[in-house]
Amino acid sequence: MGAATAGIHGGGAAANFPPPPAGSEGRLGVTANTIEQPLPPAERALVAALATSWRDLLYVPGPDFISPLEPALFRSAFVVIPADGPAVRVSSAVMPAFGTELCRVQLESLPSFRAEMLGSFFEPERRGQIYVMSKERDATAARPPDRTGWSYAGPPLAERLRRVERVRILRERVVARLDGQPVGWTADRGLVVDVSGDQPCLLLASARSAEEAIFVPVPRLYRALLGSAAVPGATARELLGYGDWAGDFELALETVGIRAG
């Protein structure tokens, strides 16, 4: 039987990058080849709205949910249910540029959605549903995913994520050389979810698809994105997908606090 995931689609899957500012300057030289991609005000307001207790964190089940190489990392479109206010969908905005894929995290208010189709990190027994083709391939039906790695099977995260006290933006700034020419970009790559009395969680943009983001419940190697010492093969540059960049490349990361209201 063939299977397809049940998505939660937002209104804008593609990034809308503004034209580069003239005269942008980096340590590798002065260049107009610069892209700026911060979160717009409406999405920053949604980040502020997430800085409260969460009632649930939902995901779309499917074949790419867990990677065998990174079993503690989850790829999906996510839906955060805060204690107050509407649900918020977290995915990515992706654009090809400078011979690579640039991306930023994307947040959208989700007034309505089919909760029964989504799995839950708070209640792992709720695995959501996928559409499965019949043997005759003439009809589809929704059913819970039964394959290993298609849904969350770890410990419930309800106790941790009910203690969210702050959400910060993780911003990357890059200056590099491409074919001898200086280029650069700034992008809001993800969210740092600070939990009272525990390690932070990360929600990161994925350059692979606009229909997914990356959820890291426990940072481990990804603490390199927060200023901790990196281990070989897991530097911030490599974790963000720039390990194969051939020319000069300088990456700086910062976290940006968001004030409610």
C-alpha atoms as a PDB file:
ATOM      1  CA  MET A   1       0.000   0.000   0.000  1.00  0.00           C
ATOM      2  CA  GLY A   2       1.247   3.485  -0.768  1.00  0.00           C
ATOM      3  CA  ALA A   3       1.195   6.205   1.853  1.00  0.00           C
ATOM      4  CA  ALA A   4       1.169   9.987   1.862  1.00  0.00           C
ATOM      5  CA  THR A   5       1.495  12.374   4.773  1.00  0.00           C
ATOM      6  CA  ALA A   6      -1.334  14.638   5.844  1.00  0.00           C
ATOM      7  CA  GLY A   7       0.008  18.199   5.807  1.00  0.00           C
ATOM      8  CA  ILE A   8      -0.934  21.400   7.553  1.00  0.00           C
ATOM      9  CA  HIS A   9      -0.399  23.991   4.893  1.00  0.00           C
ATOM     10  CA  GLY A  10       0.078  27.658   5.578  1.00  0.00           C
ATOM     11  CA  GLY A  11      -0.494  30.566   3.317  1.00  0.00           C
ATOM     12  CA  GLY A  12       3.109  31.261   2.286  1.00  0.00           C
ATOM     13  CA  ALA A  13       5.524  28.438   1.537  1.00  0.00           C
ATOM     14  CA  ALA A  14       8.091  30.494  -0.367  1.00  0.00           C
ATOM     15  CA  ALA A  15      10.334  33.172   1.040  1.00  0.00           C
ATOM     16  CA  ASN A  16       9.880  36.766  -0.054  1.00  0.00           C
ATOM     17  CA  PHE A  17      13.392  38.178   0.094  1.00  0.00           C
ATOM     18  CA  PRO A  18      13.729  41.976  -0.263  1.00  0.00           C
ATOM     19  CA  PRO A  19      16.347  43.393  -2.626  1.00  0.00           C
ATOM     20  CA  PRO A  20      19.838  43.580  -1.127  1.00  0.00           C
ATOM     21  CA  PRO A  21      20.838  46.908   0.394  1.00  0.00           C
ATOM     22  CA  ALA A  22      23.543  48.788  -1.486  1.00  0.00           C
ATOM     23  CA  GLY A  23      26.871  49.237   0.227  1.00  0.00           C
ATOM     24  CA  SER A  24      26.595  46.299   2.642  1.00  0.00           C
ATOM     25  CA  GLU A  25      29.917  45.769   4.378  1.00  0.00           C
ATOM     26  CA  GLY A  26      31.560  42.682   5.830  1.00  0.00           C
ATOM     27  CA  ARG A  27      35.045  41.734   6.841  1.00  0.00           C
ATOM     28  CA  LEU A  28      35.568  39.986   3.492  1.00  0.00           C
ATOM     29  CA  GLY A  29      34.913  43.187   1.565  1.00  0.00           C
ATOM     30  CA  VAL A  30      32.263  45.698   0.616  1.00  0.00           C
ATOM     31  CA  THR A  31      29.455  44.131  -1.418  1.00  0.00           C
ATOM     32  CA  ALA A  32      25.960  44.853  -2.677  1.00  0.00           C
ATOM     33  CA  ASN A  33      25.407  41.084  -2.878  1.00  0.00           C
ATOM     34  CA  THR A  34      23.724  40.906   0.499  1.00  0.00           C
ATOM     35  CA  ILE A  35      20.358  39.448   1.459  1.00  0.00           C
ATOM     36  CA  GLU A  36      18.521  40.424   4.640  1.00  0.00           C
ATOM     37  CA  GLN A  37      15.798  38.110   5.870  1.00  0.00           C
ATOM     38  CA  PRO A  38      14.569  38.979   9.364  1.00  0.00           C
ATOM     39  CA  LEU A  39      11.175  37.910  10.634  1.00  0.00           C
ATOM     40  CA  PRO A  40       8.540  40.478   9.657  1.00  0.00           C
ATOM     41  CA  PRO A  41       6.644  42.258  12.469  1.00  0.00           C
ATOM     42  CA  ALA A  42       3.604  39.965  12.296  1.00  0.00           C
ATOM     43  CA  GLU A  43       5.781  36.887  12.789  1.00  0.00           C
ATOM     44  CA  ARG A  44       7.778  38.542  15.566  1.00  0.00           C
ATOM     45  CA  ALA A  45       4.470  39.094  17.358  1.00  0.00           C
ATOM     46  CA  LEU A  46       3.776  35.362  17.080  1.00  0.00           C
ATOM     47  CA  VAL A  47       7.184  34.604  18.592  1.00  0.00           C
ATOM     48  CA  ALA A  48       6.257  36.802  21.565  1.00  0.00           C
ATOM     49  CA  ALA A  49       2.936  34.957  21.872  1.00  0.00           C
ATOM     50  CA  LEU A  50       4.794  31.648  22.279  1.00  0.00           C
ATOM     51  CA  ALA A  51       6.644  32.871  25.387  1.00  0.00           C
ATOM     52  CA  THR A  52       4.130  31.226  27.712  1.00  0.00           C
ATOM     53  CA  SER A  53       3.078  27.789  28.845  1.00  0.00           C
ATOM     54  CA  TRP A  54       2.350  25.433  25.919  1.00  0.00           C
ATOM     55  CA  ARG A  55      -0.692  23.193  25.923  1.00  0.00           C
ATOM     56  CA  ASP A  56       0.640  20.970  23.118  1.00  0.00           C
ATOM     57  CA  LEU A  57       3.213  20.645  20.363  1.00  0.00           C
ATOM     58  CA  LEU A  58       1.892  18.830  17.294  1.00  0.00           C
ATOM     59  CA  TYR A  59       3.544  17.489  14.156  1.00  0.00           C
ATOM     60  CA  VAL A  60       2.732  15.945  10.774  1.00  0.00           C
ATOM     61  CA  PRO A  61       3.692  12.234  10.812  1.00  0.00           C
ATOM     62  CA  GLY A  62       5.470  10.739   7.828  1.00  0.00           C
ATOM     63  CA  PRO A  63       8.526   8.976   6.393  1.00  0.00           C
ATOM     64  CA  ASP A  64      10.989  11.862   6.909  1.00  0.00           C
ATOM     65  CA  PHE A  65      10.019  12.583  10.504  1.00  0.00           C
ATOM     66  CA  ILE A  66      13.103  10.894  12.010  1.00  0.00           C
ATOM     67  CA  SER A  67      16.509  10.546  10.374  1.00  0.00           C
ATOM     68  CA  PRO A  68      18.471   7.342  11.137  1.00  0.00           C
ATOM     69  CA  LEU A  69      21.596   9.522  11.353  1.00  0.00           C
ATOM     70  CA  GLU A  70      20.031  11.964  13.824  1.00  0.00           C
ATOM     71  CA  PRO A  71      17.378  10.078  15.839  1.00  0.00           C
ATOM     72  CA  ALA A  72      16.974  12.894  18.388  1.00  0.00           C
ATOM     73  CA  LEU A  73      16.039  15.424  15.696  1.00  0.00           C
ATOM     74  CA  PHE A  74      12.556  15.668  14.177  1.00  0.00           C
ATOM     75  CA  ARG A  75      11.556  17.110  10.780  1.00  0.00           C
ATOM     76  CA  SER A  76       7.993  18.208  10.132  1.00  0.00           C
ATOM     77  CA  ALA A  77       5.699  21.180  10.034  1.00  0.00           C
ATOM     78  CA  PHE A  78       4.875  21.862  13.682  1.00  0.00           C
ATOM     79  CA  VAL A  79       1.891  23.393  15.430  1.00  0.00           C
ATOM     80  CA  VAL A  80       2.377  25.028  18.824  1.00  0.00           C
ATOM     81  CA  ILE A  81      -0.713  25.355  21.014  1.00  0.00           C
ATOM     82  CA  PRO A  82       0.050  28.110  23.539  1.00  0.00           C
ATOM     83  CA  ALA A  83      -1.908  28.525  26.742  1.00  0.00           C
ATOM     84  CA  ASP A  84      -3.555  31.622  25.306  1.00  0.00           C
ATOM     85  CA  GLY A  85      -4.187  32.702  21.746  1.00  0.00           C
ATOM     86  CA  PRO A  86      -4.396  30.823  18.442  1.00  0.00           C
ATOM     87  CA  ALA A  87      -2.255  27.908  17.340  1.00  0.00           C
ATOM     88  CA  VAL A  88       0.974  28.794  15.528  1.00  0.00           C
ATOM     89  CA  ARG A  89       2.367  26.819  12.612  1.00  0.00           C
ATOM     90  CA  VAL A  90       6.168  26.651  12.392  1.00  0.00           C
ATOM     91  CA  SER A  91       7.809  25.805   9.062  1.00  0.00           C
ATOM     92  CA  SER A  92      10.484  27.351   6.815  1.00  0.00           C
ATOM     93  CA  ALA A  93      10.833  29.959   4.102  1.00  0.00           C
ATOM     94  CA  VAL A  94      13.380  28.765   1.529  1.00  0.00           C
ATOM     95  CA  MET A  95      15.104  30.426  -1.406  1.00  0.00           C
ATOM     96  CA  PRO A  96      18.052  29.465  -3.662  1.00  0.00           C
ATOM     97  CA  ALA A  97      20.823  32.068  -3.636  1.00  0.00           C
ATOM     98  CA  PHE A  98      24.622  32.164  -3.918  1.00  0.00           C
ATOM     99  CA  GLY A  99      24.805  28.519  -4.982  1.00  0.00           C
ATOM    100  CA  THR A 100      23.071  27.256  -1.851  1.00  0.00           C
ATOM    101  CA  GLU A 101      19.643  27.300  -0.197  1.00  0.00           C
ATOM    102  CA  LEU A 102      18.986  30.144   2.212  1.00  0.00           C
ATOM    103  CA  CYS A 103      16.200  29.758   4.729  1.00  0.00           C
ATOM    104  CA  ARG A 104      14.573  31.311   7.749  1.00  0.00           C
ATOM    105  CA  VAL A 105      12.038  30.057  10.221  1.00  0.00           C
ATOM    106  CA  GLN A 106       8.428  30.931   9.322  1.00  0.00           C
ATOM    107  CA  LEU A 107       5.498  31.370  11.721  1.00  0.00           C
ATOM    108  CA  GLU A 108       1.831  31.587  10.795  1.00  0.00           C
ATOM    109  CA  SER A 109      -1.309  31.908  12.889  1.00  0.00           C
ATOM    110  CA  LEU A 110      -3.475  28.822  12.389  1.00  0.00           C
ATOM    111  CA  PRO A 111      -7.110  29.599  13.240  1.00  0.00           C
ATOM    112  CA  SER A 112      -8.286  26.079  12.370  1.00  0.00           C
ATOM    113  CA  PHE A 113      -6.753  22.715  11.563  1.00  0.00           C
ATOM    114  CA  ARG A 114      -7.561  19.002  11.764  1.00  0.00           C
ATOM    115  CA  ALA A 115      -6.024  18.043  15.099  1.00  0.00           C
ATOM    116  CA  GLU A 116      -6.819  14.342  14.596  1.00  0.00           C
ATOM    117  CA  MET A 117      -4.372  14.216  11.670  1.00  0.00           C
ATOM    118  CA  LEU A 118      -1.441  15.386  13.802  1.00  0.00           C
ATOM    119  CA  GLY A 119       0.764  13.583  16.295  1.00  0.00           C
ATOM    120  CA  SER A 120       1.587  15.000  19.734  1.00  0.00           C
ATOM    121  CA  PHE A 121       4.840  15.406  21.645  1.00  0.00           C
ATOM    122  CA  PHE A 122       2.766  15.793  24.817  1.00  0.00           C
ATOM    123  CA  GLU A 123       0.896  12.507  24.356  1.00  0.00           C
ATOM    124  CA  PRO A 124       3.044  10.174  22.208  1.00  0.00           C
ATOM    125  CA  GLU A 125       0.190   7.673  21.886  1.00  0.00           C
ATOM    126  CA  ARG A 126      -1.508  10.258  19.659  1.00  0.00           C
ATOM    127  CA  ARG A 127       0.396   9.516  16.453  1.00  0.00           C
ATOM    128  CA  GLY A 128      -1.818  11.391  14.011  1.00  0.00           C
ATOM    129  CA  GLN A 129      -2.923   9.886  10.723  1.00  0.00           C
ATOM    130  CA  ILE A 130      -1.621   9.439   7.193  1.00  0.00           C
ATOM    131  CA  TYR A 131      -3.542   8.758   4.003  1.00  0.00           C
ATOM    132  CA  VAL A 132      -3.020   5.208   2.750  1.00  0.00           C
ATOM    133  CA  MET A 133      -3.867   3.929  -0.715  1.00  0.00           C
ATOM    134  CA  SER A 134      -5.947   0.763  -0.931  1.00  0.00           C
ATOM    135  CA  LYS A 135      -4.492  -2.381  -2.490  1.00  0.00           C
ATOM    136  CA  GLU A 136      -6.623  -1.721  -5.535  1.00  0.00           C
ATOM    137  CA  ARG A 137      -5.198   1.836  -5.656  1.00  0.00           C
ATOM    138  CA  ASP A 138      -8.657   3.224  -6.232  1.00  0.00           C
ATOM    139  CA  ALA A 139      -9.253   4.905  -2.871  1.00  0.00           C
ATOM    140  CA  THR A 140      -7.445   6.372   0.140  1.00  0.00           C
ATOM    141  CA  ALA A 141      -8.207   6.177   3.827  1.00  0.00           C
ATOM    142  CA  ALA A 142      -6.741   7.882   6.899  1.00  0.00           C
ATOM    143  CA  ARG A 143      -5.033   5.642   9.449  1.00  0.00           C
ATOM    144  CA  PRO A 144      -2.366   6.000  12.166  1.00  0.00           C
ATOM    145  CA  PRO A 145       1.199   5.496  10.907  1.00  0.00           C
ATOM    146  CA  ASP A 146       2.488   2.036  11.771  1.00  0.00           C
ATOM    147  CA  ARG A 147       6.076   2.277  10.526  1.00  0.00           C
ATOM    148  CA  THR A 148       9.015   2.905  12.836  1.00  0.00           C
ATOM    149  CA  GLY A 149      10.255   6.476  12.641  1.00  0.00           C
ATOM    150  CA  TRP A 150       7.067   7.937  11.171  1.00  0.00           C
ATOM    151  CA  SER A 151       5.853   9.271  14.546  1.00  0.00           C
ATOM    152  CA  TYR A 152       7.176  10.330  17.949  1.00  0.00           C
ATOM    153  CA  ALA A 153       7.889   7.485  20.389  1.00  0.00           C
ATOM    154  CA  GLY A 154       9.948   9.270  23.046  1.00  0.00           C
ATOM    155  CA  PRO A 155       9.019  10.477  26.528  1.00  0.00           C
ATOM    156  CA  PRO A 156       6.138  12.960  26.820  1.00  0.00           C
ATOM    157  CA  LEU A 157       7.298  16.566  26.688  1.00  0.00           C
ATOM    158  CA  ALA A 158       4.232  18.043  28.383  1.00  0.00           C
ATOM    159  CA  GLU A 159       5.922  18.624  31.752  1.00  0.00           C
ATOM    160  CA  ARG A 160       8.854  20.475  30.137  1.00  0.00           C
ATOM    161  CA  LEU A 161       7.013  22.575  27.593  1.00  0.00           C
ATOM    162  CA  ARG A 162       4.394  23.702  30.061  1.00  0.00           C
ATOM    163  CA  ARG A 163       7.303  25.604  31.658  1.00  0.00           C
ATOM    164  CA  VAL A 164       8.278  27.694  28.625  1.00  0.00           C
ATOM    165  CA  GLU A 165       9.334  31.088  29.976  1.00  0.00           C
ATOM    166  CA  ARG A 166      10.978  32.777  26.986  1.00  0.00           C
ATOM    167  CA  VAL A 167      11.405  32.387  23.215  1.00  0.00           C
ATOM    168  CA  ARG A 168      14.344  34.010  21.424  1.00  0.00           C
ATOM    169  CA  ILE A 169      15.209  34.320  17.737  1.00  0.00           C
ATOM    170  CA  LEU A 170      18.428  32.641  16.560  1.00  0.00           C
ATOM    171  CA  ARG A 171      19.946  34.927  13.921  1.00  0.00           C
ATOM    172  CA  GLU A 172      22.814  34.063  11.576  1.00  0.00           C
ATOM    173  CA  ARG A 173      25.072  36.599   9.856  1.00  0.00           C
ATOM    174  CA  VAL A 174      27.327  35.361   7.069  1.00  0.00           C
ATOM    175  CA  VAL A 175      30.054  37.029   5.010  1.00  0.00           C
ATOM    176  CA  ALA A 176      31.693  34.800   2.400  1.00  0.00           C
ATOM    177  CA  ARG A 177      33.243  34.634  -1.036  1.00  0.00           C
ATOM    178  CA  LEU A 178      31.630  32.984  -4.051  1.00  0.00           C
ATOM    179  CA  ASP A 179      33.685  32.742  -7.262  1.00  0.00           C
ATOM    180  CA  GLY A 180      35.959  35.410  -5.858  1.00  0.00           C
ATOM    181  CA  GLN A 181      33.129  37.856  -5.161  1.00  0.00           C
ATOM    182  CA  PRO A 182      32.046  38.875  -1.636  1.00  0.00           C
ATOM    183  CA  VAL A 183      28.509  37.874  -0.671  1.00  0.00           C
ATOM    184  CA  GLY A 184      26.597  37.912   2.575  1.00  0.00           C
ATOM    185  CA  TRP A 185      23.284  37.339   4.231  1.00  0.00           C
ATOM    186  CA  THR A 186      21.415  37.644   7.506  1.00  0.00           C
ATOM    187  CA  ALA A 187      18.565  35.286   8.345  1.00  0.00           C
ATOM    188  CA  ASP A 188      16.458  34.419  11.381  1.00  0.00           C
ATOM    189  CA  ARG A 189      17.239  30.707  11.347  1.00  0.00           C
ATOM    190  CA  GLY A 190      15.201  29.505  14.269  1.00  0.00           C
ATOM    191  CA  LEU A 191      13.769  29.839  17.753  1.00  0.00           C
ATOM    192  CA  VAL A 192      15.404  29.113  21.092  1.00  0.00           C
ATOM    193  CA  VAL A 193      12.686  27.954  23.481  1.00  0.00           C
ATOM    194  CA  ASP A 194      13.858  28.553  27.051  1.00  0.00           C
ATOM    195  CA  VAL A 195      12.333  26.224  29.632  1.00  0.00           C
ATOM    196  CA  SER A 196      12.367  26.987  33.352  1.00  0.00           C
ATOM    197  CA  GLY A 197      14.759  24.661  35.193  1.00  0.00           C
ATOM    198  CA  ASP A 198      15.762  22.706  32.072  1.00  0.00           C
ATOM    199  CA  GLN A 199      17.706  22.858  28.826  1.00  0.00           C
ATOM    200  CA  PRO A 200      16.302  24.920  25.951  1.00  0.00           C
ATOM    201  CA  CYS A 201      14.651  23.393  22.908  1.00  0.00           C
ATOM    202  CA  LEU A 202      15.315  24.528  19.345  1.00  0.00           C
ATOM    203  CA  LEU A 203      13.001  25.017  16.365  1.00  0.00           C
ATOM    204  CA  LEU A 204      15.164  25.564  13.285  1.00  0.00           C
ATOM    205  CA  ALA A 205      14.434  26.374   9.662  1.00  0.00           C
ATOM    206  CA  SER A 206      15.175  23.634   7.137  1.00  0.00           C
ATOM    207  CA  ALA A 207      16.651  24.447   3.740  1.00  0.00           C
ATOM    208  CA  ARG A 208      15.409  21.102   2.444  1.00  0.00           C
ATOM    209  CA  SER A 209      11.737  22.015   2.244  1.00  0.00           C
ATOM    210  CA  ALA A 210       9.431  24.930   3.042  1.00  0.00           C
ATOM    211  CA  GLU A 211       6.962  22.383   4.412  1.00  0.00           C
ATOM    212  CA  GLU A 212       9.185  21.431   7.341  1.00  0.00           C
ATOM    213  CA  ALA A 213      11.195  22.777  10.214  1.00  0.00           C
ATOM    214  CA  ILE A 214      13.515  20.953  12.615  1.00  0.00           C
ATOM    215  CA  PHE A 215      12.691  20.339  16.283  1.00  0.00           C
ATOM    216  CA  VAL A 216      15.553  19.567  18.688  1.00  0.00           C
ATOM    217  CA  PRO A 217      14.106  18.749  22.137  1.00  0.00           C
ATOM    218  CA  VAL A 218      17.543  18.509  23.789  1.00  0.00           C
ATOM    219  CA  PRO A 219      20.340  20.508  22.120  1.00  0.00           C
ATOM    220  CA  ARG A 220      23.292  18.133  22.651  1.00  0.00           C
ATOM    221  CA  LEU A 221      25.497  18.777  19.583  1.00  0.00           C
ATOM    222  CA  TYR A 222      23.287  21.725  18.673  1.00  0.00           C
ATOM    223  CA  ARG A 223      24.487  23.597  21.752  1.00  0.00           C
ATOM    224  CA  ALA A 224      27.209  24.796  19.361  1.00  0.00           C
ATOM    225  CA  LEU A 225      24.546  27.148  17.987  1.00  0.00           C
ATOM    226  CA  LEU A 226      24.206  28.675  21.450  1.00  0.00           C
ATOM    227  CA  GLY A 227      27.887  29.375  22.009  1.00  0.00           C
ATOM    228  CA  SER A 228      29.037  26.096  23.548  1.00  0.00           C
ATOM    229  CA  ALA A 229      32.223  24.419  22.342  1.00  0.00           C
ATOM    230  CA  ALA A 230      31.610  22.373  19.202  1.00  0.00           C
ATOM    231  CA  VAL A 231      32.782  18.806  18.637  1.00  0.00           C
ATOM    232  CA  PRO A 232      34.542  17.855  15.375  1.00  0.00           C
ATOM    233  CA  GLY A 233      32.036  17.435  12.563  1.00  0.00           C
ATOM    234  CA  ALA A 234      29.351  19.368  14.431  1.00  0.00           C
ATOM    235  CA  THR A 235      30.402  22.997  14.246  1.00  0.00           C
ATOM    236  CA  ALA A 236      27.732  25.678  13.946  1.00  0.00           C
ATOM    237  CA  ARG A 237      28.629  26.049  10.257  1.00  0.00           C
ATOM    238  CA  GLU A 238      28.112  22.338   9.620  1.00  0.00           C
ATOM    239  CA  LEU A 239      24.936  22.092  11.690  1.00  0.00           C
ATOM    240  CA  LEU A 240      23.407  24.925   9.665  1.00  0.00           C
ATOM    241  CA  GLY A 241      24.253  23.237   6.349  1.00  0.00           C
ATOM    242  CA  TYR A 242      27.262  25.255   5.167  1.00  0.00           C
ATOM    243  CA  GLY A 243      29.982  22.664   5.708  1.00  0.00           C
ATOM    244  CA  ASP A 244      30.581  22.216   1.961  1.00  0.00           C
ATOM    245  CA  TRP A 245      31.033  25.918   1.142  1.00  0.00           C
ATOM    246  CA  ALA A 246      34.235  26.017  -0.910  1.00  0.00           C
ATOM    247  CA  GLY A 247      35.431  29.598  -0.389  1.00  0.00           C
ATOM    248  CA  ASP A 248      36.040  31.907   2.541  1.00  0.00           C
ATOM    249  CA  PHE A 249      33.141  31.765   4.982  1.00  0.00           C
ATOM    250  CA  GLU A 250      32.523  33.583   8.248  1.00  0.00           C
ATOM    251  CA  LEU A 251      29.471  32.853  10.395  1.00  0.00           C
ATOM    252  CA  ALA A 252      28.273  34.775  13.444  1.00  0.00           C
ATOM    253  CA  LEU A 253      25.253  33.792  15.531  1.00  0.00           C
ATOM    254  CA  GLU A 254      23.252  35.785  18.043  1.00  0.00           C
ATOM    255  CA  THR A 255      20.007  35.354  19.939  1.00  0.00           C
ATOM    256  CA  VAL A 256      17.474  38.163  19.840  1.00  0.00           C
ATOM    257  CA  GLY A 257      14.914  38.635  22.587  1.00  0.00           C
ATOM    258  CA  ILE A 258      11.331  39.569  21.741  1.00  0.00           C
ATOM    259  CA  ARG A 259       9.204  41.729  24.009  1.00  0.00           C
ATOM    260  CA  ALA A 260       5.557  40.750  24.393  1.00  0.00           C
ATOM    261  CA  GLY A 261       3.114  43.285  22.993  1.00  0.00           C
END
